[in-house]
Full PDB file with SEQRES, HELIX, SHEET, SSBOND, CRYST1, ORIGX, SCALE, CONECT and MASTER records, all heavy atoms in Angstrom:
SEQRES   1 A   40  PHE SER ARG LEU PHE PRO GLY ARG ALA TRP ILE ALA ALA          
SEQRES   2 A   40  GLU LEU HIS GLY GLY SER ASN ASP ARG ALA ARG LEU ALA          
SEQRES   3 A   40  GLU LEU ARG GLU LEU ALA ASP LEU CYS GLY LEU PRO LEU          
SEQRES   4 A   40  VAL                                                          
HELIX    1 AA1 ASP A   21  CYS A   35  1                                  15    
CRYST1    1.000    1.000    1.000  90.00  90.00  90.00 P 1           1          
ORIGX1      1.000000  0.000000  0.000000        0.00000                         
ORIGX2      0.000000  1.000000  0.000000        0.00000                         
ORIGX3      0.000000  0.000000  1.000000        0.00000                         
SCALE1      1.000000  0.000000  0.000000        0.00000                         
SCALE2      0.000000  1.000000  0.000000        0.00000                         
SCALE3      0.000000  0.000000  1.000000        0.00000                         
ATOM      1  N   PHE A   1     122.389 117.550  85.072  1.00  0.00           N  
ATOM      2  CA  PHE A   1     121.184 117.057  84.446  1.00  0.00           C  
ATOM      3  C   PHE A   1     120.445 118.154  83.716  1.00  0.00           C  
ATOM      4  O   PHE A   1     119.988 117.975  82.575  1.00  0.00           O  
ATOM      5  CB  PHE A   1     120.257 116.429  85.503  1.00  0.00           C  
ATOM      6  CG  PHE A   1     120.854 115.229  86.171  1.00  0.00           C  
ATOM      7  CD1 PHE A   1     121.289 115.254  87.440  1.00  0.00           C  
ATOM      8  CD2 PHE A   1     120.995 114.038  85.410  1.00  0.00           C  
ATOM      9  CE1 PHE A   1     121.867 114.134  88.030  1.00  0.00           C  
ATOM     10  CE2 PHE A   1     121.582 112.915  86.013  1.00  0.00           C  
ATOM     11  CZ  PHE A   1     121.999 112.965  87.328  1.00  0.00           C  
ATOM     12  N   SER A   2     120.300 119.329  84.327  1.00  0.00           N  
ATOM     13  CA  SER A   2     119.599 120.427  83.627  1.00  0.00           C  
ATOM     14  C   SER A   2     120.381 120.959  82.453  1.00  0.00           C  
ATOM     15  O   SER A   2     119.789 121.442  81.492  1.00  0.00           O  
ATOM     16  CB  SER A   2     119.323 121.570  84.638  1.00  0.00           C  
ATOM     17  OG  SER A   2     120.515 121.979  85.235  1.00  0.00           O  
ATOM     18  N   ARG A   3     121.717 120.807  82.495  1.00  0.00           N  
ATOM     19  CA  ARG A   3     122.567 121.260  81.378  1.00  0.00           C  
ATOM     20  C   ARG A   3     122.499 120.294  80.201  1.00  0.00           C  
ATOM     21  O   ARG A   3     122.373 120.694  79.041  1.00  0.00           O  
ATOM     22  CB  ARG A   3     123.961 121.432  81.854  1.00  0.00           C  
ATOM     23  CG  ARG A   3     124.930 121.831  80.761  1.00  0.00           C  
ATOM     24  CD  ARG A   3     126.299 122.159  81.274  1.00  0.00           C  
ATOM     25  NE  ARG A   3     126.920 121.007  81.898  1.00  0.00           N  
ATOM     26  CZ  ARG A   3     127.569 120.061  81.251  1.00  0.00           C  
ATOM     27  NH1 ARG A   3     127.631 120.054  79.917  1.00  0.00           N  
ATOM     28  NH2 ARG A   3     128.126 119.022  81.910  1.00  0.00           N  
ATOM     29  N   LEU A   4     122.560 119.010  80.486  1.00  0.00           N  
ATOM     30  CA  LEU A   4     122.608 118.009  79.401  1.00  0.00           C  
ATOM     31  C   LEU A   4     121.255 117.663  78.842  1.00  0.00           C  
ATOM     32  O   LEU A   4     121.104 117.227  77.683  1.00  0.00           O  
ATOM     33  CB  LEU A   4     123.270 116.695  79.935  1.00  0.00           C  
ATOM     34  CG  LEU A   4     124.737 116.740  80.236  1.00  0.00           C  
ATOM     35  CD1 LEU A   4     125.213 115.382  80.748  1.00  0.00           C  
ATOM     36  CD2 LEU A   4     125.504 117.116  78.951  1.00  0.00           C  
ATOM     37  N   PHE A   5     120.182 117.876  79.651  1.00  0.00           N  
ATOM     38  CA  PHE A   5     118.858 117.513  79.214  1.00  0.00           C  
ATOM     39  C   PHE A   5     117.948 118.729  79.316  1.00  0.00           C  
ATOM     40  O   PHE A   5     116.947 118.721  80.056  1.00  0.00           O  
ATOM     41  CB  PHE A   5     118.330 116.366  80.025  1.00  0.00           C  
ATOM     42  CG  PHE A   5     119.220 115.144  80.070  1.00  0.00           C  
ATOM     43  CD1 PHE A   5     120.057 114.933  81.180  1.00  0.00           C  
ATOM     44  CD2 PHE A   5     119.202 114.227  79.064  1.00  0.00           C  
ATOM     45  CE1 PHE A   5     120.905 113.837  81.242  1.00  0.00           C  
ATOM     46  CE2 PHE A   5     120.050 113.135  79.070  1.00  0.00           C  
ATOM     47  CZ  PHE A   5     120.874 112.915  80.209  1.00  0.00           C  
ATOM     48  N   PRO A   6     118.227 119.787  78.561  1.00  0.00           N  
ATOM     49  CA  PRO A   6     117.442 120.991  78.717  1.00  0.00           C  
ATOM     50  C   PRO A   6     115.976 120.754  78.308  1.00  0.00           C  
ATOM     51  O   PRO A   6     115.698 120.339  77.163  1.00  0.00           O  
ATOM     52  CB  PRO A   6     118.111 121.971  77.765  1.00  0.00           C  
ATOM     53  CG  PRO A   6     118.868 121.136  76.749  1.00  0.00           C  
ATOM     54  CD  PRO A   6     119.292 119.915  77.556  1.00  0.00           C  
ATOM     55  N   GLY A   7     115.067 121.003  79.227  1.00  0.00           N  
ATOM     56  CA  GLY A   7     113.670 120.803  78.928  1.00  0.00           C  
ATOM     57  C   GLY A   7     113.260 119.341  78.899  1.00  0.00           C  
ATOM     58  O   GLY A   7     112.089 119.009  78.602  1.00  0.00           O  
ATOM     59  N   ARG A   8     114.201 118.422  79.197  1.00  0.00           N  
ATOM     60  CA  ARG A   8     113.945 116.995  79.075  1.00  0.00           C  
ATOM     61  C   ARG A   8     114.335 116.247  80.367  1.00  0.00           C  
ATOM     62  O   ARG A   8     114.558 115.041  80.327  1.00  0.00           O  
ATOM     63  CB  ARG A   8     114.704 116.409  77.878  1.00  0.00           C  
ATOM     64  CG  ARG A   8     114.199 116.924  76.548  1.00  0.00           C  
ATOM     65  CD  ARG A   8     114.982 116.351  75.374  1.00  0.00           C  
ATOM     66  NE  ARG A   8     116.259 117.051  75.238  1.00  0.00           N  
ATOM     67  CZ  ARG A   8     117.460 116.507  75.458  1.00  0.00           C  
ATOM     68  NH1 ARG A   8     117.532 115.279  75.897  1.00  0.00           N  
ATOM     69  NH2 ARG A   8     118.559 117.197  75.287  1.00  0.00           N  
ATOM     70  N   ALA A   9     114.439 116.967  81.465  1.00  0.00           N  
ATOM     71  CA  ALA A   9     114.799 116.393  82.771  1.00  0.00           C  
ATOM     72  C   ALA A   9     113.758 116.699  83.838  1.00  0.00           C  
ATOM     73  O   ALA A   9     113.226 117.807  83.863  1.00  0.00           O  
ATOM     74  CB  ALA A   9     116.164 116.885  83.192  1.00  0.00           C  
ATOM     75  N   TRP A  10     113.489 115.724  84.688  1.00  0.00           N  
ATOM     76  CA  TRP A  10     112.519 115.829  85.760  1.00  0.00           C  
ATOM     77  C   TRP A  10     113.131 115.191  86.998  1.00  0.00           C  
ATOM     78  O   TRP A  10     114.033 114.337  86.937  1.00  0.00           O  
ATOM     79  CB  TRP A  10     111.227 115.155  85.436  1.00  0.00           C  
ATOM     80  CG  TRP A  10     110.432 115.745  84.325  1.00  0.00           C  
ATOM     81  CD1 TRP A  10     109.366 116.614  84.429  1.00  0.00           C  
ATOM     82  CD2 TRP A  10     110.635 115.516  82.895  1.00  0.00           C  
ATOM     83  NE1 TRP A  10     108.871 116.919  83.193  1.00  0.00           N  
ATOM     84  CE2 TRP A  10     109.621 116.237  82.252  1.00  0.00           C  
ATOM     85  CE3 TRP A  10     111.547 114.755  82.192  1.00  0.00           C  
ATOM     86  CZ2 TRP A  10     109.537 116.259  80.839  1.00  0.00           C  
ATOM     87  CZ3 TRP A  10     111.425 114.755  80.760  1.00  0.00           C  
ATOM     88  CH2 TRP A  10     110.434 115.521  80.114  1.00  0.00           C  
ATOM     89  N   ILE A  11     112.588 115.583  88.164  1.00  0.00           N  
ATOM     90  CA  ILE A  11     112.969 114.906  89.397  1.00  0.00           C  
ATOM     91  C   ILE A  11     111.802 113.953  89.707  1.00  0.00           C  
ATOM     92  O   ILE A  11     110.637 114.345  89.734  1.00  0.00           O  
ATOM     93  CB  ILE A  11     113.132 115.893  90.568  1.00  0.00           C  
ATOM     94  CG1 ILE A  11     114.324 116.813  90.273  1.00  0.00           C  
ATOM     95  CG2 ILE A  11     113.323 115.169  91.871  1.00  0.00           C  
ATOM     96  CD1 ILE A  11     114.495 117.923  91.272  1.00  0.00           C  
ATOM     97  N   ALA A  12     112.149 112.673  89.911  1.00  0.00           N  
ATOM     98  CA  ALA A  12     111.135 111.644  90.137  1.00  0.00           C  
ATOM     99  C   ALA A  12     110.658 111.688  91.576  1.00  0.00           C  
ATOM    100  O   ALA A  12     111.441 111.597  92.506  1.00  0.00           O  
ATOM    101  CB  ALA A  12     111.687 110.278  89.798  1.00  0.00           C  
ATOM    102  N   ALA A  13     109.368 111.810  91.770  1.00  0.00           N  
ATOM    103  CA  ALA A  13     108.733 111.729  93.078  1.00  0.00           C  
ATOM    104  C   ALA A  13     108.189 110.334  93.255  1.00  0.00           C  
ATOM    105  O   ALA A  13     107.148 110.009  92.688  1.00  0.00           O  
ATOM    106  CB  ALA A  13     107.673 112.813  93.249  1.00  0.00           C  
ATOM    107  N   GLU A  14     108.877 109.478  94.040  1.00  0.00           N  
ATOM    108  CA  GLU A  14     108.496 108.105  94.221  1.00  0.00           C  
ATOM    109  C   GLU A  14     108.149 107.864  95.671  1.00  0.00           C  
ATOM    110  O   GLU A  14     109.037 107.742  96.490  1.00  0.00           O  
ATOM    111  CB  GLU A  14     109.630 107.212  93.744  1.00  0.00           C  
ATOM    112  CG  GLU A  14     109.958 107.417  92.290  1.00  0.00           C  
ATOM    113  CD  GLU A  14     111.055 106.539  91.774  1.00  0.00           C  
ATOM    114  OE1 GLU A  14     111.896 106.094  92.528  1.00  0.00           O  
ATOM    115  OE2 GLU A  14     111.080 106.320  90.525  1.00  0.00           O  
ATOM    116  N   LEU A  15     106.835 107.790  95.945  1.00  0.00           N  
ATOM    117  CA  LEU A  15     106.356 107.653  97.284  1.00  0.00           C  
ATOM    118  C   LEU A  15     105.566 106.376  97.369  1.00  0.00           C  
ATOM    119  O   LEU A  15     104.821 106.019  96.474  1.00  0.00           O  
ATOM    120  CB  LEU A  15     105.429 108.844  97.670  1.00  0.00           C  
ATOM    121  CG  LEU A  15     106.050 110.243  97.419  1.00  0.00           C  
ATOM    122  CD1 LEU A  15     104.998 111.316  97.701  1.00  0.00           C  
ATOM    123  CD2 LEU A  15     107.283 110.455  98.272  1.00  0.00           C  
ATOM    124  N   HIS A  16     105.746 105.606  98.494  1.00  0.00           N  
ATOM    125  CA  HIS A  16     105.179 104.289  98.565  1.00  0.00           C  
ATOM    126  C   HIS A  16     104.377 104.050  99.837  1.00  0.00           C  
ATOM    127  O   HIS A  16     104.353 102.978 100.428  1.00  0.00           O  
ATOM    128  CB  HIS A  16     106.265 103.237  98.455  1.00  0.00           C  
ATOM    129  CG  HIS A  16     107.068 103.316  97.178  1.00  0.00           C  
ATOM    130  ND1 HIS A  16     108.313 103.854  97.129  1.00  0.00           N  
ATOM    131  CD2 HIS A  16     106.704 103.007  95.879  1.00  0.00           C  
ATOM    132  CE1 HIS A  16     108.740 103.836  95.866  1.00  0.00           C  
ATOM    133  NE2 HIS A  16     107.804 103.327  95.113  1.00  0.00           N  
ATOM    134  N   GLY A  17     103.747 105.116 100.318  1.00  0.00           N  
ATOM    135  CA  GLY A  17     102.907 104.941 101.469  1.00  0.00           C  
ATOM    136  C   GLY A  17     103.628 104.808 102.756  1.00  0.00           C  
ATOM    137  O   GLY A  17     103.094 104.261 103.772  1.00  0.00           O  
ATOM    138  N   GLY A  18     104.844 105.315 102.871  1.00  0.00           N  
ATOM    139  CA  GLY A  18     105.618 105.245 104.058  1.00  0.00           C  
ATOM    140  C   GLY A  18     105.287 106.353 105.039  1.00  0.00           C  
ATOM    141  O   GLY A  18     104.653 107.330 104.718  1.00  0.00           O  
ATOM    142  N   SER A  19     105.846 106.282 106.259  1.00  0.00           N  
ATOM    143  CA  SER A  19     105.546 107.225 107.270  1.00  0.00           C  
ATOM    144  C   SER A  19     106.203 108.592 106.977  1.00  0.00           C  
ATOM    145  O   SER A  19     105.777 109.585 107.567  1.00  0.00           O  
ATOM    146  CB  SER A  19     106.076 106.711 108.618  1.00  0.00           C  
ATOM    147  OG  SER A  19     107.466 106.482 108.609  1.00  0.00           O  
ATOM    148  N   ASN A  20     107.227 108.626 106.141  1.00  0.00           N  
ATOM    149  CA  ASN A  20     107.920 109.839 105.860  1.00  0.00           C  
ATOM    150  C   ASN A  20     107.617 110.416 104.497  1.00  0.00           C  
ATOM    151  O   ASN A  20     108.361 111.286 103.983  1.00  0.00           O  
ATOM    152  CB  ASN A  20     109.445 109.618 105.990  1.00  0.00           C  
ATOM    153  CG  ASN A  20     109.961 108.737 104.897  1.00  0.00           C  
ATOM    154  OD1 ASN A  20     109.242 107.865 104.369  1.00  0.00           O  
ATOM    155  ND2 ASN A  20     111.245 108.830 104.586  1.00  0.00           N  
ATOM    156  N   ASP A  21     106.554 109.977 103.871  1.00  0.00           N  
ATOM    157  CA  ASP A  21     106.227 110.410 102.495  1.00  0.00           C  
ATOM    158  C   ASP A  21     106.028 111.894 102.393  1.00  0.00           C  
ATOM    159  O   ASP A  21     106.501 112.554 101.481  1.00  0.00           O  
ATOM    160  CB  ASP A  21     105.002 109.692 101.998  1.00  0.00           C  
ATOM    161  CG  ASP A  21     105.308 108.315 101.415  1.00  0.00           C  
ATOM    162  OD1 ASP A  21     106.491 107.934 101.393  1.00  0.00           O  
ATOM    163  OD2 ASP A  21     104.360 107.649 100.918  1.00  0.00           O  
ATOM    164  N   ARG A  22     105.340 112.478 103.407  1.00  0.00           N  
ATOM    165  CA  ARG A  22     105.056 113.898 103.360  1.00  0.00           C  
ATOM    166  C   ARG A  22     106.348 114.737 103.435  1.00  0.00           C  
ATOM    167  O   ARG A  22     106.526 115.710 102.657  1.00  0.00           O  
ATOM    168  CB  ARG A  22     104.078 114.277 104.456  1.00  0.00           C  
ATOM    169  CG  ARG A  22     103.645 115.782 104.494  1.00  0.00           C  
ATOM    170  CD  ARG A  22     102.542 116.028 105.432  1.00  0.00           C  
ATOM    171  NE  ARG A  22     101.321 115.334 105.056  1.00  0.00           N  
ATOM    172  CZ  ARG A  22     100.177 115.427 105.701  1.00  0.00           C  
ATOM    173  NH1 ARG A  22     100.092 116.204 106.758  1.00  0.00           N  
ATOM    174  NH2 ARG A  22      99.114 114.732 105.297  1.00  0.00           N  
ATOM    175  N   ALA A  23     107.217 114.315 104.340  1.00  0.00           N  
ATOM    176  CA  ALA A  23     108.483 115.057 104.468  1.00  0.00           C  
ATOM    177  C   ALA A  23     109.337 114.866 103.228  1.00  0.00           C  
ATOM    178  O   ALA A  23     110.010 115.807 102.766  1.00  0.00           O  
ATOM    179  CB  ALA A  23     109.248 114.526 105.717  1.00  0.00           C  
ATOM    180  N   ARG A  24     109.333 113.665 102.672  1.00  0.00           N  
ATOM    181  CA  ARG A  24     110.138 113.362 101.482  1.00  0.00           C  
ATOM    182  C   ARG A  24     109.638 114.189 100.275  1.00  0.00           C  
ATOM    183  O   ARG A  24     110.430 114.829  99.571  1.00  0.00           O  
ATOM    184  CB  ARG A  24     110.007 111.868 101.100  1.00  0.00           C  
ATOM    185  CG  ARG A  24     110.693 111.484  99.832  1.00  0.00           C  
ATOM    186  CD  ARG A  24     112.192 111.519  99.927  1.00  0.00           C  
ATOM    187  NE  ARG A  24     112.826 111.015  98.716  1.00  0.00           N  
ATOM    188  CZ  ARG A  24     114.136 110.902  98.552  1.00  0.00           C  
ATOM    189  NH1 ARG A  24     114.940 111.230  99.500  1.00  0.00           N  
ATOM    190  NH2 ARG A  24     114.645 110.466  97.429  1.00  0.00           N  
ATOM    191  N   LEU A  25     108.308 114.350 100.148  1.00  0.00           N  
ATOM    192  CA  LEU A  25     107.752 115.157  99.067  1.00  0.00           C  
ATOM    193  C   LEU A  25     108.121 116.598  99.243  1.00  0.00           C  
ATOM    194  O   LEU A  25     108.433 117.314  98.242  1.00  0.00           O  
ATOM    195  CB  LEU A  25     106.277 114.972  99.022  1.00  0.00           C  
ATOM    196  CG  LEU A  25     105.530 115.737  97.882  1.00  0.00           C  
ATOM    197  CD1 LEU A  25     106.094 115.333  96.519  1.00  0.00           C  
ATOM    198  CD2 LEU A  25     104.017 115.465  97.935  1.00  0.00           C  
ATOM    199  N   ALA A  26     108.112 117.089 100.462  1.00  0.00           N  
ATOM    200  CA  ALA A  26     108.484 118.494 100.732  1.00  0.00           C  
ATOM    201  C   ALA A  26     109.961 118.723 100.345  1.00  0.00           C  
ATOM    202  O   ALA A  26     110.296 119.775  99.754  1.00  0.00           O  
ATOM    203  CB  ALA A  26     108.272 118.822 102.195  1.00  0.00           C  
ATOM    204  N   GLU A  27     110.820 117.775 100.680  1.00  0.00           N  
ATOM    205  CA  GLU A  27     112.232 117.881 100.326  1.00  0.00           C  
ATOM    206  C   GLU A  27     112.412 117.870  98.772  1.00  0.00           C  
ATOM    207  O   GLU A  27     113.222 118.665  98.238  1.00  0.00           O  
ATOM    208  CB  GLU A  27     113.029 116.723 100.894  1.00  0.00           C  
ATOM    209  CG  GLU A  27     113.186 116.782 102.400  1.00  0.00           C  
ATOM    210  CD  GLU A  27     113.959 115.536 102.927  1.00  0.00           C  
ATOM    211  OE1 GLU A  27     113.832 114.480 102.352  1.00  0.00           O  
ATOM    212  OE2 GLU A  27     114.635 115.693 103.916  1.00  0.00           O  
ATOM    213  N   LEU A  28     111.639 117.034  98.066  1.00  0.00           N  
ATOM    214  CA  LEU A  28     111.766 116.949  96.640  1.00  0.00           C  
ATOM    215  C   LEU A  28     111.234 118.284  95.993  1.00  0.00           C  
ATOM    216  O   LEU A  28     111.848 118.717  95.018  1.00  0.00           O  
ATOM    217  CB  LEU A  28     110.968 115.771  96.119  1.00  0.00           C  
ATOM    218  CG  LEU A  28     111.514 114.396  96.429  1.00  0.00           C  
ATOM    219  CD1 LEU A  28     110.568 113.295  96.024  1.00  0.00           C  
ATOM    220  CD2 LEU A  28     112.888 114.159  95.727  1.00  0.00           C  
ATOM    221  N   ARG A  29     110.182 118.841  96.582  1.00  0.00           N  
ATOM    222  CA  ARG A  29     109.674 120.115  95.995  1.00  0.00           C  
ATOM    223  C   ARG A  29     110.704 121.213  96.216  1.00  0.00           C  
ATOM    224  O   ARG A  29     110.888 122.066  95.308  1.00  0.00           O  
ATOM    225  CB  ARG A  29     108.390 120.455  96.718  1.00  0.00           C  
ATOM    226  CG  ARG A  29     107.178 119.648  96.209  1.00  0.00           C  
ATOM    227  CD  ARG A  29     105.932 119.913  96.994  1.00  0.00           C  
ATOM    228  NE  ARG A  29     104.764 119.281  96.396  1.00  0.00           N  
ATOM    229  CZ  ARG A  29     103.619 119.081  97.063  1.00  0.00           C  
ATOM    230  NH1 ARG A  29     103.493 119.428  98.351  1.00  0.00           N  
ATOM    231  NH2 ARG A  29     102.615 118.535  96.389  1.00  0.00           N  
ATOM    232  N   GLU A  30     111.368 121.225  97.351  1.00  0.00           N  
ATOM    233  CA  GLU A  30     112.388 122.200  97.634  1.00  0.00           C  
ATOM    234  C   GLU A  30     113.548 122.059  96.618  1.00  0.00           C  
ATOM    235  O   GLU A  30     114.104 123.040  96.117  1.00  0.00           O  
ATOM    236  CB  GLU A  30     112.906 122.077  99.057  1.00  0.00           C  
ATOM    237  CG  GLU A  30     113.895 123.116  99.473  1.00  0.00           C  
ATOM    238  CD  GLU A  30     114.321 122.978 100.884  1.00  0.00           C  
ATOM    239  OE1 GLU A  30     113.637 122.255 101.640  1.00  0.00           O  
ATOM    240  OE2 GLU A  30     115.338 123.619 101.304  1.00  0.00           O  
ATOM    241  N   LEU A  31     113.940 120.785  96.374  1.00  0.00           N  
ATOM    242  CA  LEU A  31     115.016 120.536  95.445  1.00  0.00           C  
ATOM    243  C   LEU A  31     114.623 120.957  94.027  1.00  0.00           C  
ATOM    244  O   LEU A  31     115.420 121.523  93.249  1.00  0.00           O  
ATOM    245  CB  LEU A  31     115.354 119.047  95.460  1.00  0.00           C  
ATOM    246  CG  LEU A  31     116.453 118.589  94.518  1.00  0.00           C  
ATOM    247  CD1 LEU A  31     117.777 119.202  94.860  1.00  0.00           C  
ATOM    248  CD2 LEU A  31     116.570 117.067  94.518  1.00  0.00           C  
ATOM    249  N   ALA A  32     113.343 120.690  93.648  1.00  0.00           N  
ATOM    250  CA  ALA A  32     112.861 121.067  92.335  1.00  0.00           C  
ATOM    251  C   ALA A  32     112.923 122.546  92.135  1.00  0.00           C  
ATOM    252  O   ALA A  32     113.335 123.049  91.068  1.00  0.00           O  
ATOM    253  CB  ALA A  32     111.424 120.540  92.164  1.00  0.00           C  
ATOM    254  N   ASP A  33     112.514 123.307  93.173  1.00  0.00           N  
ATOM    255  CA  ASP A  33     112.587 124.773  93.106  1.00  0.00           C  
ATOM    256  C   ASP A  33     114.017 125.260  92.954  1.00  0.00           C  
ATOM    257  O   ASP A  33     114.339 126.185  92.225  1.00  0.00           O  
ATOM    258  CB  ASP A  33     111.910 125.396  94.336  1.00  0.00           C  
ATOM    259  CG  ASP A  33     110.434 125.195  94.387  1.00  0.00           C  
ATOM    260  OD1 ASP A  33     109.854 124.963  93.298  1.00  0.00           O  
ATOM    261  OD2 ASP A  33     109.852 125.290  95.462  1.00  0.00           O  
ATOM    262  N   LEU A  34     114.927 124.616  93.667  1.00  0.00           N  
ATOM    263  CA  LEU A  34     116.350 124.978  93.651  1.00  0.00           C  
ATOM    264  C   LEU A  34     116.979 124.744  92.299  1.00  0.00           C  
ATOM    265  O   LEU A  34     117.746 125.558  91.813  1.00  0.00           O  
ATOM    266  CB  LEU A  34     117.101 124.234  94.782  1.00  0.00           C  
ATOM    267  CG  LEU A  34     118.583 124.528  94.911  1.00  0.00           C  
ATOM    268  CD1 LEU A  34     118.819 125.998  95.325  1.00  0.00           C  
ATOM    269  CD2 LEU A  34     119.225 123.605  95.937  1.00  0.00           C  
ATOM    270  N   CYS A  35     116.632 123.611  91.709  1.00  0.00           N  
ATOM    271  CA  CYS A  35     117.241 123.206  90.458  1.00  0.00           C  
ATOM    272  C   CYS A  35     116.520 123.663  89.234  1.00  0.00           C  
ATOM    273  O   CYS A  35     117.019 123.623  88.107  1.00  0.00           O  
ATOM    274  CB  CYS A  35     117.350 121.676  90.397  1.00  0.00           C  
ATOM    275  SG  CYS A  35     118.328 120.900  91.678  1.00  0.00           S  
ATOM    276  N   GLY A  36     115.278 124.152  89.385  1.00  0.00           N  
ATOM    277  CA  GLY A  36     114.494 124.550  88.254  1.00  0.00           C  
ATOM    278  C   GLY A  36     114.022 123.396  87.434  1.00  0.00           C  
ATOM    279  O   GLY A  36     113.722 123.576  86.248  1.00  0.00           O  
ATOM    280  N   LEU A  37     113.828 122.233  88.000  1.00  0.00           N  
ATOM    281  CA  LEU A  37     113.316 121.058  87.327  1.00  0.00           C  
ATOM    282  C   LEU A  37     111.998 120.686  87.906  1.00  0.00           C  
ATOM    283  O   LEU A  37     111.787 120.697  89.109  1.00  0.00           O  
ATOM    284  CB  LEU A  37     114.293 119.860  87.440  1.00  0.00           C  
ATOM    285  CG  LEU A  37     115.673 120.043  86.815  1.00  0.00           C  
ATOM    286  CD1 LEU A  37     116.484 118.771  87.045  1.00  0.00           C  
ATOM    287  CD2 LEU A  37     115.537 120.296  85.336  1.00  0.00           C  
ATOM    288  N   PRO A  38     111.046 120.307  87.101  1.00  0.00           N  
ATOM    289  CA  PRO A  38     109.704 119.911  87.587  1.00  0.00           C  
ATOM    290  C   PRO A  38     109.751 118.504  88.203  1.00  0.00           C  
ATOM    291  O   PRO A  38     110.669 117.705  87.908  1.00  0.00           O  
ATOM    292  CB  PRO A  38     108.809 119.905  86.314  1.00  0.00           C  
ATOM    293  CG  PRO A  38     109.758 119.670  85.195  1.00  0.00           C  
ATOM    294  CD  PRO A  38     111.073 120.314  85.630  1.00  0.00           C  
ATOM    295  N   LEU A  39     108.771 118.211  89.030  1.00  0.00           N  
ATOM    296  CA  LEU A  39     108.592 116.890  89.586  1.00  0.00           C  
ATOM    297  C   LEU A  39     107.695 116.047  88.671  1.00  0.00           C  
ATOM    298  O   LEU A  39     106.830 116.586  87.950  1.00  0.00           O  
ATOM    299  CB  LEU A  39     107.899 116.937  90.943  1.00  0.00           C  
ATOM    300  CG  LEU A  39     108.700 117.523  92.121  1.00  0.00           C  
ATOM    301  CD1 LEU A  39     107.814 117.521  93.381  1.00  0.00           C  
ATOM    302  CD2 LEU A  39     109.984 116.796  92.350  1.00  0.00           C  
ATOM    303  N   VAL A  40     107.938 114.721  88.661  1.00  0.00           N  
ATOM    304  CA  VAL A  40     107.075 113.838  87.906  1.00  0.00           C  
ATOM    305  C   VAL A  40     106.863 112.613  88.775  1.00  0.00           C  
ATOM    306  O   VAL A  40     107.736 112.125  89.484  1.00  0.00           O  
ATOM    307  CB  VAL A  40     107.682 113.443  86.556  1.00  0.00           C  
ATOM    308  CG1 VAL A  40     109.012 112.620  86.732  1.00  0.00           C  
ATOM    309  CG2 VAL A  40     106.723 112.637  85.709  1.00  0.00           C  
TER     310      VAL A  40                                                      
MASTER        0    0    0    1    0    0    0    6  309    1    0    4          
END                                                                             
């Protein structure tokens, strides 16, 4: 994704008020840091 969409790719943060939203967001932030893609 980062190769094919340089500067045009994001990781979607989709949270719906569930019990694990905080943990899910933390995982997504970690993934974003690892991949160098921002969250949206």
